[in-house]
């Protein structure tokens, strides 16, 4: 269980780092993104480990990655769109 937790933290940090690099303009501060990634991974590992039981390390890590992706997607802000001027609207 300790190695699953450690692995999920590493995967959560990696996923949050990648999201912060690619979507920096649409995410809050890096500190919040990394914290959410780690906590999401730990929570996902806990839930998946409780559902699958011991002996399913790969499944536990996949569950941690899935929950981390969901948590990070909740942090995304909408992309800025160009507004049309009032003169062009008829």
Protein backbone atom coordinates (compact mmCIF):
# COMPACT_ATOMS: atom_id res chain seq x y z
CA UNK A 1 0.00 0.00 0.00
CA UNK A 2 2.89 2.39 0.70
CA UNK A 3 4.32 1.85 -2.79
CA UNK A 4 0.92 2.37 -4.36
CA UNK A 5 0.57 5.66 -2.48
CA UNK A 6 4.07 6.76 -3.46
CA UNK A 7 3.48 5.78 -7.09
CA UNK A 8 0.18 7.62 -7.19
CA UNK A 9 1.81 10.77 -5.78
CA UNK A 10 4.51 10.60 -8.45
CA UNK A 11 1.91 10.09 -11.18
CA UNK A 12 -0.23 12.92 -9.80
CA UNK A 13 2.74 15.27 -9.81
CA UNK A 14 3.68 14.25 -13.34
CA UNK A 15 0.15 14.75 -14.63
CA UNK A 16 -0.27 18.09 -12.87
CA UNK A 17 3.13 19.26 -14.17
CA UNK A 18 2.15 18.34 -17.73
CA UNK A 19 -1.18 20.12 -17.37
CA UNK A 20 0.49 23.21 -15.93
CA UNK A 21 2.93 23.29 -18.84
CA UNK A 22 0.37 22.86 -21.61
CA UNK A 23 -2.55 24.81 -20.13
CA UNK A 24 -0.85 27.47 -18.03
CA UNK A 25 -3.16 30.24 -19.26
CA UNK A 26 -6.32 28.32 -18.34
CA UNK A 27 -5.32 27.03 -14.89
CA UNK A 28 -4.92 28.76 -11.52
CA UNK A 29 -1.52 29.02 -9.83
CA UNK A 30 0.94 26.16 -10.19
CA UNK A 31 0.84 25.56 -6.45
CA UNK A 32 -2.90 24.89 -6.59
CA UNK A 33 -2.55 22.68 -9.65
CA UNK A 34 0.21 20.55 -8.11
CA UNK A 35 -1.66 20.26 -4.82
CA UNK A 36 -4.85 19.22 -6.58
CA UNK A 37 -2.92 16.69 -8.66
CA UNK A 38 -1.34 15.04 -5.63
CA UNK A 39 -4.52 15.02 -3.56
CA UNK A 40 -6.55 13.73 -6.49
CA UNK A 41 -4.08 10.92 -7.04
CA UNK A 42 -4.07 9.92 -3.38
CA UNK A 43 -7.86 9.97 -3.22
CA UNK A 44 -8.10 7.97 -6.45
CA UNK A 45 -5.63 5.40 -5.16
CA UNK A 46 -7.55 5.09 -1.90
CA UNK A 47 -10.91 4.60 -3.61
CA UNK A 48 -9.54 2.19 -6.21
CA UNK A 49 -7.61 0.18 -3.63
CA UNK A 50 -10.74 -0.09 -1.50
CA UNK A 51 -12.78 -1.25 -4.50
CA UNK A 52 -10.27 -3.72 -5.96
CA UNK A 53 -8.51 -4.90 -2.83
CA UNK A 54 -4.85 -5.72 -2.33
CA UNK A 55 -2.79 -7.18 -5.15
CA UNK A 56 -4.02 -4.89 -7.90
CA UNK A 57 -1.27 -2.27 -7.99
CA UNK A 58 -1.64 -1.47 -11.68
CA UNK A 59 -5.39 -1.02 -11.36
CA UNK A 60 -4.89 1.18 -8.33
CA UNK A 61 -2.45 3.40 -10.21
CA UNK A 62 -4.79 3.63 -13.19
CA UNK A 63 -7.60 4.70 -10.87
CA UNK A 64 -5.32 7.33 -9.34
CA UNK A 65 -4.50 8.73 -12.78
CA UNK A 66 -8.18 8.80 -13.75
CA UNK A 67 -9.24 10.69 -10.63
CA UNK A 68 -6.32 13.09 -11.02
CA UNK A 69 -7.37 13.87 -14.59
CA UNK A 70 -10.92 14.56 -13.43
CA UNK A 71 -9.78 16.83 -10.59
CA UNK A 72 -7.46 18.77 -12.88
CA UNK A 73 -10.19 19.16 -15.48
CA UNK A 74 -12.36 20.80 -12.83
CA UNK A 75 -9.72 23.51 -12.41
CA UNK A 76 -9.79 24.55 -16.07
CA UNK A 77 -11.18 27.95 -16.95
CA UNK A 78 -12.88 28.60 -20.29
CA UNK A 79 -10.66 29.72 -23.15
CA UNK A 80 -10.93 33.36 -24.08
CA UNK A 81 -12.88 33.99 -27.22
CA UNK A 82 -12.73 37.03 -29.43
CA UNK A 83 -15.80 39.19 -29.09
CA UNK A 84 -17.49 40.61 -32.09
CA UNK A 85 -17.98 44.33 -32.00
CA UNK A 86 -21.46 45.76 -31.65
CA UNK A 87 -21.24 47.33 -35.12
CA UNK A 88 -20.94 43.97 -36.85
CA UNK A 89 -23.96 42.49 -35.08
CA UNK A 90 -27.18 43.10 -37.03
